PDB file of N, CA and C in Angstrom:
ATOM      1  N   MET A   1      85.278  84.731 123.291  1.00  0.00           N
ATOM      2  CA  MET A   1      86.601  85.765 122.791  1.00  0.00           C
ATOM      3  C   MET A   1      87.610  84.574 121.776  1.00  0.00           C
ATOM      4  N   GLU A   2      87.610  83.382 121.254  1.00  0.00           N
ATOM      5  CA  GLU A   2      88.227  82.535 120.765  1.00  0.00           C
ATOM      6  C   GLU A   2      87.681  82.555 117.884  1.00  0.00           C
ATOM      7  N   SER A   3      86.063  83.726 118.676  1.00  0.00           N
ATOM      8  CA  SER A   3      86.051  83.852 117.476  1.00  0.00           C
ATOM      9  C   SER A   3      86.159  85.645 116.734  1.00  0.00           C
ATOM     10  N   LEU A   4      87.068  85.812 118.540  1.00  0.00           N
ATOM     11  CA  LEU A   4      87.310  87.542 117.959  1.00  0.00           C
ATOM     12  C   LEU A   4      88.753  87.298 117.136  1.00  0.00           C
ATOM     13  N   SER A   5      89.665  86.590 116.846  1.00  0.00           N
ATOM     14  CA  SER A   5      90.409  86.759 116.585  1.00  0.00           C
ATOM     15  C   SER A   5      90.098  86.344 114.726  1.00  0.00           C
ATOM     16  N   THR A   6      89.534  85.478 114.972  1.00  0.00           N
ATOM     17  CA  THR A   6      88.397  85.091 113.405  1.00  0.00           C
ATOM     18  C   THR A   6      88.255  86.338 112.738  1.00  0.00           C
ATOM     19  N   GLU A   7      87.014  87.026 113.512  1.00  0.00           N
ATOM     20  CA  GLU A   7      86.650  88.284 113.283  1.00  0.00           C
ATOM     21  C   GLU A   7      87.342  88.663 113.060  1.00  0.00           C
ATOM     22  N   MET A   8      88.345  89.391 113.840  1.00  0.00           N
ATOM     23  CA  MET A   8      89.028  90.673 113.594  1.00  0.00           C
ATOM     24  C   MET A   8      89.877  90.578 111.888  1.00  0.00           C
ATOM     25  N   MET A   9      90.173  88.861 111.777  1.00  0.00           N
ATOM     26  CA  MET A   9      91.161  88.962 110.687  1.00  0.00           C
ATOM     27  C   MET A   9      89.928  88.836 109.308  1.00  0.00           C
ATOM     28  N   LEU A  10      89.396  88.770 109.595  1.00  0.00           N
ATOM     29  CA  LEU A  10      87.630  88.521 107.927  1.00  0.00           C
ATOM     30  C   LEU A  10      87.961  90.926 108.186  1.00  0.00           C
ATOM     31  N   ALA A  11      88.028  91.119 109.210  1.00  0.00           N
ATOM     32  CA  ALA A  11      87.697  92.448 109.156  1.00  0.00           C
ATOM     33  C   ALA A  11      89.043  93.552 108.622  1.00  0.00           C
ATOM     34  N   MET A  12      89.888  93.100 108.822  1.00  0.00           N
ATOM     35  CA  MET A  12      91.453  93.861 108.800  1.00  0.00           C
ATOM     36  C   MET A  12      91.555  92.934 107.352  1.00  0.00           C
ATOM     37  N   CYS A  13      91.040  91.990 106.743  1.00  0.00           N
ATOM     38  CA  CYS A  13      91.236  92.369 105.700  1.00  0.00           C
ATOM     39  C   CYS A  13      90.851  92.509 104.977  1.00  0.00           C
ATOM     40  N   GLY A  14      89.437  92.550 104.517  1.00  0.00           N
ATOM     41  CA  GLY A  14      88.550  93.706 104.151  1.00  0.00           C
ATOM     42  C   GLY A  14      88.845  94.343 103.845  1.00  0.00           C
ATOM     43  N   LEU A  15      89.023  95.455 105.202  1.00  0.00           N
ATOM     44  CA  LEU A  15      89.676  96.866 105.376  1.00  0.00           C
ATOM     45  C   LEU A  15      90.709  97.153 104.158  1.00  0.00           C
ATOM     46  N   TYR A  16      91.649  95.694 104.139  1.00  0.00           N
ATOM     47  CA  TYR A  16      92.903  96.678 103.284  1.00  0.00           C
ATOM     48  C   TYR A  16      92.426  96.150 101.626  1.00  0.00           C
ATOM     49  N   VAL A  17      91.183  94.900 101.042  1.00  0.00           N
ATOM     50  CA  VAL A  17      91.182  95.489  99.877  1.00  0.00           C
ATOM     51  C   VAL A  17      90.489  96.799  99.878  1.00  0.00           C
ATOM     52  N   ILE A  18      89.842  97.081 100.688  1.00  0.00           N
ATOM     53  CA  ILE A  18      88.395  98.490 100.436  1.00  0.00           C
ATOM     54  C   ILE A  18      89.638  99.572 100.506  1.00  0.00           C
ATOM     55  N   GLY A  19      91.112  99.675 101.232  1.00  0.00           N
ATOM     56  CA  GLY A  19      91.671 100.612 100.750  1.00  0.00           C
ATOM     57  C   GLY A  19      92.720 100.269  99.519  1.00  0.00           C
ATOM     58  N   LYS A  20      93.033  98.865  99.175  1.00  0.00           N
ATOM     59  CA  LYS A  20      93.670  98.705  98.237  1.00  0.00           C
ATOM     60  C   LYS A  20      92.635  99.576  96.965  1.00  0.00           C
ATOM     61  N   ILE A  21      91.538  99.308  96.824  1.00  0.00           N
ATOM     62  CA  ILE A  21      90.379  99.795  95.506  1.00  0.00           C
ATOM     63  C   ILE A  21      90.682 101.322  95.802  1.00  0.00           C
ATOM     64  N   MET A  22      90.326 101.894  97.071  1.00  0.00           N
ATOM     65  CA  MET A  22      90.389 103.302  97.358  1.00  0.00           C
ATOM     66  C   MET A  22      91.605 103.802  96.754  1.00  0.00           C
ATOM     67  N   LYS A  23      93.104 102.987  96.538  1.00  0.00           N
ATOM     68  CA  LYS A  23      94.054 103.928  96.130  1.00  0.00           C
ATOM     69  C   LYS A  23      94.022 103.866  94.444  1.00  0.00           C
ATOM     70  N   GLU A  24      93.860 103.060  94.136  1.00  0.00           N
ATOM     71  CA  GLU A  24      93.330 102.904  92.528  1.00  0.00           C
ATOM     72  C   GLU A  24      92.650 103.493  92.274  1.00  0.00           C
ATOM     73  N   ILE A  25      91.474 104.789  92.664  1.00  0.00           N
ATOM     74  CA  ILE A  25      90.526 105.467  92.387  1.00  0.00           C
ATOM     75  C   ILE A  25      91.522 106.606  91.665  1.00  0.00           C
ATOM     76  N   PRO A  26      91.815 107.311  90.784  1.00  0.00           N
ATOM     77  CA  PRO A  26      92.076 108.504  90.273  1.00  0.00           C
ATOM     78  C   PRO A  26      92.038 109.674  90.907  1.00  0.00           C
ATOM     79  N   ASN A  27      90.935 110.358  91.247  1.00  0.00           N
ATOM     80  CA  ASN A  27      90.602 111.447  92.497  1.00  0.00           C
ATOM     81  C   ASN A  27      90.752 111.313  94.119  1.00  0.00           C
ATOM     82  N   PHE A  28      90.773 109.751  94.529  1.00  0.00           N
ATOM     83  CA  PHE A  28      90.710 109.609  96.190  1.00  0.00           C
ATOM     84  C   PHE A  28      92.480 110.037  96.429  1.00  0.00           C
ATOM     85  N   PRO A  29      92.220 111.354  97.374  1.00  0.00           N
ATOM     86  CA  PRO A  29      93.912 111.389  97.721  1.00  0.00           C
ATOM     87  C   PRO A  29      94.269 110.440  99.102  1.00  0.00           C
ATOM     88  N   ASN A  30      95.388 110.121  99.387  1.00  0.00           N
ATOM     89  CA  ASN A  30      95.778 109.230  99.918  1.00  0.00           C
ATOM     90  C   ASN A  30      95.745 109.283 101.234  1.00  0.00           C
ATOM     91  N   TRP A  31      95.856 110.655 101.329  1.00  0.00           N
ATOM     92  CA  TRP A  31      95.206 111.622 103.056  1.00  0.00           C
ATOM     93  C   TRP A  31      93.935 110.546 103.690  1.00  0.00           C
ATOM     94  N   GLY A  32      93.232 110.975 102.612  1.00  0.00           N
ATOM     95  CA  GLY A  32      91.826 110.320 102.918  1.00  0.00           C
ATOM     96  C   GLY A  32      91.520 108.655 103.183  1.00  0.00           C
ATOM     97  N   ILE A  33      92.512 107.963 102.646  1.00  0.00           N
ATOM     98  CA  ILE A  33      92.152 106.723 103.189  1.00  0.00           C
ATOM     99  C   ILE A  33      92.305 106.577 103.871  1.00  0.00           C
ATOM    100  N   PRO A  34      92.805 106.405 104.836  1.00  0.00           N
ATOM    101  CA  PRO A  34      92.855 105.803 106.683  1.00  0.00           C
ATOM    102  C   PRO A  34      91.274 106.933 107.235  1.00  0.00           C
ATOM    103  N   LEU A  35      91.149 107.537 106.576  1.00  0.00           N
ATOM    104  CA  LEU A  35      89.789 108.401 107.296  1.00  0.00           C
ATOM    105  C   LEU A  35      88.305 107.121 107.137  1.00  0.00           C
ATOM    106  N   ALA A  36      88.829 107.075 105.121  1.00  0.00           N
ATOM    107  CA  ALA A  36      87.644 107.120 105.025  1.00  0.00           C
ATOM    108  C   ALA A  36      87.656 104.892 105.562  1.00  0.00           C
ATOM    109  N   LEU A  37      88.771 104.476 105.929  1.00  0.00           N
ATOM    110  CA  LEU A  37      88.209 102.943 106.129  1.00  0.00           C
ATOM    111  C   LEU A  37      88.214 102.892 107.800  1.00  0.00           C
ATOM    112  N   THR A  38      88.198 104.508 108.197  1.00  0.00           N
ATOM    113  CA  THR A  38      87.850 104.499 110.120  1.00  0.00           C
ATOM    114  C   THR A  38      87.143 104.248 109.681  1.00  0.00           C
ATOM    115  N   VAL A  39      86.128 104.608 109.299  1.00  0.00           N
ATOM    116  CA  VAL A  39      84.700 105.342 108.869  1.00  0.00           C
ATOM    117  C   VAL A  39      83.873 103.808 108.433  1.00  0.00           C
ATOM    118  N   ILE A  40      84.424 103.459 107.396  1.00  0.00           N
ATOM    119  CA  ILE A  40      83.366 102.183 106.935  1.00  0.00           C
ATOM    120  C   ILE A  40      84.094 101.095 108.000  1.00  0.00           C
ATOM    121  N   SER A  41      85.319 101.435 108.736  1.00  0.00           N
ATOM    122  CA  SER A  41      85.039 100.476 109.652  1.00  0.00           C
ATOM    123  C   SER A  41      84.635 100.345 111.388  1.00  0.00           C
ATOM    124  N   CYS A  42      84.616 101.372 111.942  1.00  0.00           N
ATOM    125  CA  CYS A  42      83.350 101.910 112.611  1.00  0.00           C
ATOM    126  C   CYS A  42      81.716 101.508 112.285  1.00  0.00           C
ATOM    127  N   ILE A  43      81.214 101.665 111.025  1.00  0.00           N
ATOM    128  CA  ILE A  43      79.783 100.726 110.988  1.00  0.00           C
ATOM    129  C   ILE A  43      79.928 100.207 110.397  1.00  0.00           C
ATOM    130  N   CYS A  44      81.158  99.104 109.398  1.00  0.00           N
ATOM    131  CA  CYS A  44      80.257  97.575 109.142  1.00  0.00           C
ATOM    132  C   CYS A  44      81.661  96.445 110.235  1.00  0.00           C
ATOM    133  N   THR A  45      82.480  96.822 110.781  1.00  0.00           N
ATOM    134  CA  THR A  45      83.033  96.192 111.967  1.00  0.00           C
ATOM    135  C   THR A  45      81.799  95.467 112.827  1.00  0.00           C
ATOM    136  N   PRO A  46      81.770  96.252 113.491  1.00  0.00           N
ATOM    137  CA  PRO A  46      80.522  96.683 114.969  1.00  0.00           C
ATOM    138  C   PRO A  46      79.339  95.358 114.597  1.00  0.00           C
ATOM    139  N   ILE A  47      79.068  95.042 113.145  1.00  0.00           N
ATOM    140  CA  ILE A  47      77.665  93.952 112.544  1.00  0.00           C
ATOM    141  C   ILE A  47      78.320  92.994 112.729  1.00  0.00           C
ATOM    142  N   LEU A  48      80.291  92.740 112.164  1.00  0.00           N
ATOM    143  CA  LEU A  48      80.340  91.231 112.600  1.00  0.00           C
ATOM    144  C   LEU A  48      80.109  90.409 113.764  1.00  0.00           C
ATOM    145  N   PHE A  49      80.799  91.771 114.860  1.00  0.00           N
ATOM    146  CA  PHE A  49      80.932  91.309 116.427  1.00  0.00           C
ATOM    147  C   PHE A  49      78.794  91.069 117.258  1.00  0.00           C
ATOM    148  N   GLY A  50      78.232  91.558 115.939  1.00  0.00           N
ATOM    149  CA  GLY A  50      77.176  91.568 116.935  1.00  0.00           C
ATOM    150  C   GLY A  50      76.255  92.520 117.001  1.00  0.00           C
ATOM    151  N   GLY A  51      76.532  93.719 116.915  1.00  0.00           N
ATOM    152  CA  GLY A  51      75.677  94.697 117.285  1.00  0.00           C
ATOM    153  C   GLY A  51      76.475  95.995 118.132  1.00  0.00           C
ATOM    154  N   TYR A  52      76.388  97.308 118.157  1.00  0.00           N
ATOM    155  CA  TYR A  52      77.130  98.648 118.267  1.00  0.00           C
ATOM    156  C   TYR A  52      77.132  98.785 119.935  1.00  0.00           C
ATOM    157  N   ASN A  53      78.452  98.678 120.683  1.00  0.00           N
ATOM    158  CA  ASN A  53      78.557  99.421 121.710  1.00  0.00           C
ATOM    159  C   ASN A  53      80.702  99.503 121.721  1.00  0.00           C
ATOM    160  N   ILE A  54      80.633 100.207 122.729  1.00  0.00           N
ATOM    161  CA  ILE A  54      81.899 100.518 122.815  1.00  0.00           C
ATOM    162  C   ILE A  54      82.567  99.484 122.519  1.00  0.00           C
ATOM    163  N   PHE A  55      82.751  98.203 123.007  1.00  0.00           N
ATOM    164  CA  PHE A  55      83.728  97.691 122.761  1.00  0.00           C
ATOM    165  C   PHE A  55      84.091  97.154 121.075  1.00  0.00           C
ATOM    166  N   ASN A  56      83.079  97.319 120.298  1.00  0.00           N
ATOM    167  CA  ASN A  56      82.889  96.809 118.747  1.00  0.00           C
ATOM    168  C   ASN A  56      83.231  98.180 118.445  1.00  0.00           C
ATOM    169  N   PHE A  57      83.123  99.374 118.778  1.00  0.00           N
ATOM    170  CA  PHE A  57      84.447 100.430 118.203  1.00  0.00           C
ATOM    171  C   PHE A  57      85.492 100.006 118.744  1.00  0.00           C
ATOM    172  N   PHE A  58      85.804 100.189 119.761  1.00  0.00           N
ATOM    173  CA  PHE A  58      87.014  99.785 120.045  1.00  0.00           C
ATOM    174  C   PHE A  58      87.706  98.599 118.958  1.00  0.00           C
ATOM    175  N   VAL A  59      87.550  97.827 119.430  1.00  0.00           N
ATOM    176  CA  VAL A  59      87.803  96.456 118.006  1.00  0.00           C
ATOM    177  C   VAL A  59      87.699  97.346 116.651  1.00  0.00           C
ATOM    178  N   ALA A  60      87.293  97.513 115.891  1.00  0.00           N
ATOM    179  CA  ALA A  60      86.299  98.622 114.552  1.00  0.00           C
ATOM    180  C   ALA A  60      88.387  99.998 114.421  1.00  0.00           C
ATOM    181  N   ILE A  61      88.232 100.512 115.084  1.00  0.00           N
ATOM    182  CA  ILE A  61      89.518 101.540 115.267  1.00  0.00           C
ATOM    183  C   ILE A  61      90.869 100.575 115.489  1.00  0.00           C
ATOM    184  N   VAL A  62      90.901  99.294 116.127  1.00  0.00           N
ATOM    185  CA  VAL A  62      92.605  98.389 116.464  1.00  0.00           C
ATOM    186  C   VAL A  62      92.101  97.534 114.943  1.00  0.00           C
ATOM    187  N   ALA A  63      90.879  97.495 114.494  1.00  0.00           N
ATOM    188  CA  ALA A  63      91.133  97.037 113.262  1.00  0.00           C
ATOM    189  C   ALA A  63      91.926  97.682 111.755  1.00  0.00           C
ATOM    190  N   VAL A  64      91.649  98.942 112.283  1.00  0.00           N
ATOM    191  CA  VAL A  64      91.922  99.914 110.853  1.00  0.00           C
ATOM    192  C   VAL A  64      93.198 100.497 111.124  1.00  0.00           C
ATOM    193  N   GLY A  65      93.303 100.050 112.714  1.00  0.00           N
ATOM    194  CA  GLY A  65      94.518 100.921 112.969  1.00  0.00           C
ATOM    195  C   GLY A  65      96.056  99.469 112.740  1.00  0.00           C
ATOM    196  N   ILE A  66      95.644  98.440 112.281  1.00  0.00           N
ATOM    197  CA  ILE A  66      96.600  97.196 112.157  1.00  0.00           C
ATOM    198  C   ILE A  66      96.592  97.407 111.248  1.00  0.00           C
ATOM    199  N   THR A  67      95.529  97.237 110.212  1.00  0.00           N
ATOM    200  CA  THR A  67      95.778  97.014 109.340  1.00  0.00           C
ATOM    201  C   THR A  67      96.649  98.562 108.327  1.00  0.00           C
ATOM    202  N   VAL A  68      96.413  99.679 108.115  1.00  0.00           N
ATOM    203  CA  VAL A  68      97.454 100.908 107.721  1.00  0.00           C
ATOM    204  C   VAL A  68      98.276 101.202 108.076  1.00  0.00           C
ATOM    205  N   TYR A  69      98.495 100.415 109.782  1.00  0.00           N
ATOM    206  CA  TYR A  69     100.113 100.576 110.512  1.00  0.00           C
ATOM    207  C   TYR A  69     100.546  99.348 109.442  1.00  0.00           C
ATOM    208  N   GLY A  70     100.186  98.170 109.699  1.00  0.00           N
ATOM    209  CA  GLY A  70     100.349  97.318 108.648  1.00  0.00           C
ATOM    210  C   GLY A  70     101.480  97.409 107.355  1.00  0.00           C
ATOM    211  N   ASP A  71     100.356  97.889 106.452  1.00  0.00           N
ATOM    212  CA  ASP A  71     100.264  98.650 104.812  1.00  0.00           C
ATOM    213  C   ASP A  71     101.551  99.151 104.602  1.00  0.00           C
ATOM    214  N   GLN A  72     101.328 100.397 105.781  1.00  0.00           N
ATOM    215  CA  GLN A  72     102.638 100.952 105.824  1.00  0.00           C
ATOM    216  C   GLN A  72     103.732 100.194 106.090  1.00  0.00           C
ATOM    217  N   LEU A  73     104.173  99.829 107.123  1.00  0.00           N
ATOM    218  CA  LEU A  73     104.780  99.337 107.808  1.00  0.00           C
ATOM    219  C   LEU A  73     105.942  98.679 106.005  1.00  0.00           C
ATOM    220  N   TRP A  74     104.648  97.689 105.946  1.00  0.00           N
ATOM    221  CA  TRP A  74     105.442  96.930 104.718  1.00  0.00           C
ATOM    222  C   TRP A  74     106.059  97.793 103.540  1.00  0.00           C
ATOM    223  N   LYS A  75     105.083  99.099 102.993  1.00  0.00           N
ATOM    224  CA  LYS A  75     106.086 100.168 102.242  1.00  0.00           C
ATOM    225  C   LYS A  75     107.278 100.186 102.084  1.00  0.00           C
ATOM    226  N   GLN A  76     106.858 101.114 103.443  1.00  0.00           N
ATOM    227  CA  GLN A  76     108.148 101.389 103.860  1.00  0.00           C
ATOM    228  C   GLN A  76     109.865 101.066 104.266  1.00  0.00           C
ATOM    229  N   THR A  77     109.156  99.716 104.933  1.00  0.00           N
ATOM    230  CA  THR A  77     110.606  98.901 104.887  1.00  0.00           C
ATOM    231  C   THR A  77     110.552  98.437 103.397  1.00  0.00           C
ATOM    232  N   SER A  78     110.442  98.269 102.616  1.00  0.00           N
ATOM    233  CA  SER A  78     110.271  97.630 100.962  1.00  0.00           C
ATOM    234  C   SER A  78     110.882  99.168 100.567  1.00  0.00           C
ATOM    235  N   TYR A  79     110.368 100.072 100.514  1.00  0.00           N
ATOM    236  CA  TYR A  79     111.128 101.100  99.749  1.00  0.00           C
ATOM    237  C   TYR A  79     113.213 101.034 100.326  1.00  0.00           C
ATOM    238  N   GLY A  80     112.620 101.140 101.717  1.00  0.00           N
ATOM    239  CA  GLY A  80     114.195 101.533 102.362  1.00  0.00           C
ATOM    240  C   GLY A  80     114.867 100.690 102.008  1.00  0.00           C
ATOM    241  N   ILE A  81     114.835  99.279 101.687  1.00  0.00           N
ATOM    242  CA  ILE A  81     115.796  97.315 101.304  1.00  0.00           C
ATOM    243  C   ILE A  81     115.954  98.388 100.358  1.00  0.00           C
ATOM    244  N   LYS A  82     115.065  99.138  99.266  1.00  0.00           N
ATOM    245  CA  LYS A  82     115.026  99.263  97.866  1.00  0.00           C
ATOM    246  C   LYS A  82     116.458 100.257  98.085  1.00  0.00           C
ATOM    247  N   GLU A  83     116.524 101.259  98.789  1.00  0.00           N
ATOM    248  CA  GLU A  83     117.192 102.545  98.752  1.00  0.00           C
ATOM    249  C   GLU A  83     118.035 102.343  99.629  1.00  0.00           C
ATOM    250  N   LEU A  84     118.928 101.154 100.199  1.00  0.00           N
ATOM    251  CA  LEU A  84     120.232 100.322 100.691  1.00  0.00           C
ATOM    252  C   LEU A  84     121.048  99.985  99.737  1.00  0.00           C
ATOM    253  N   ASP A  85     119.752  99.520  98.985  1.00  0.00           N
ATOM    254  CA  ASP A  85     120.396  97.999  97.438  1.00  0.00           C
ATOM    255  C   ASP A  85     121.157  99.776  96.862  1.00  0.00           C
ATOM    256  N   LYS A  86     120.185 100.439  96.209  1.00  0.00           N
ATOM    257  CA  LYS A  86     120.947 101.694  94.993  1.00  0.00           C
ATOM    258  C   LYS A  86     121.819 102.090  95.935  1.00  0.00           C
ATOM    259  N   GLY A  87     122.131 102.719  97.258  1.00  0.00           N
ATOM    260  CA  GLY A  87     123.244 102.901  97.366  1.00  0.00           C
ATOM    261  C   GLY A  87     124.665 102.181  97.583  1.00  0.00           C
ATOM    262  N   GLU A  88     124.571 100.869  97.731  1.00  0.00           N
ATOM    263  CA  GLU A  88     125.543 100.196  97.682  1.00  0.00           C
ATOM    264  C   GLU A  88     125.892 100.255  96.018  1.00  0.00           C
ATOM    265  N   ASP A  89     124.845 100.188  95.321  1.00  0.00           N
ATOM    266  CA  ASP A  89     125.420  99.998  93.490  1.00  0.00           C
ATOM    267  C   ASP A  89     125.891 101.168  93.456  1.00  0.00           C
ATOM    268  N   GLU A  90     126.152 102.667  94.409  1.00  0.00           N
ATOM    269  CA  GLU A  90     126.516 103.412  93.885  1.00  0.00           C
ATOM    270  C   GLU A  90     128.067 103.871  94.507  1.00  0.00           C
ATOM    271  N   LYS A  91     128.475 102.577  95.445  1.00  0.00           N
ATOM    272  CA  LYS A  91     129.822 102.555  96.165  1.00  0.00           C
ATOM    273  C   LYS A  91     130.871 102.213  94.696  1.00  0.00           C
TER     274      LYS A  91
END
């Protein structure tokens, strides 16, 4: 169980980097990034955990979920703070 967190962090970092690379591809739609990351995670994450079974697929889904959620939380919080600052300047 101790290696679970290490491998999960490795999977999440890899998924984050892959997502950022996909974001830079000109004709790749933004809505397709979470779907592509889910497929990549379901294929690659079980390899990190030693095989394809139900638990490892669950870990793959959780890893991509945390990665996408964390990225969106960061973006939307940053955007919200900028909007608040801009609104205060106009007063």
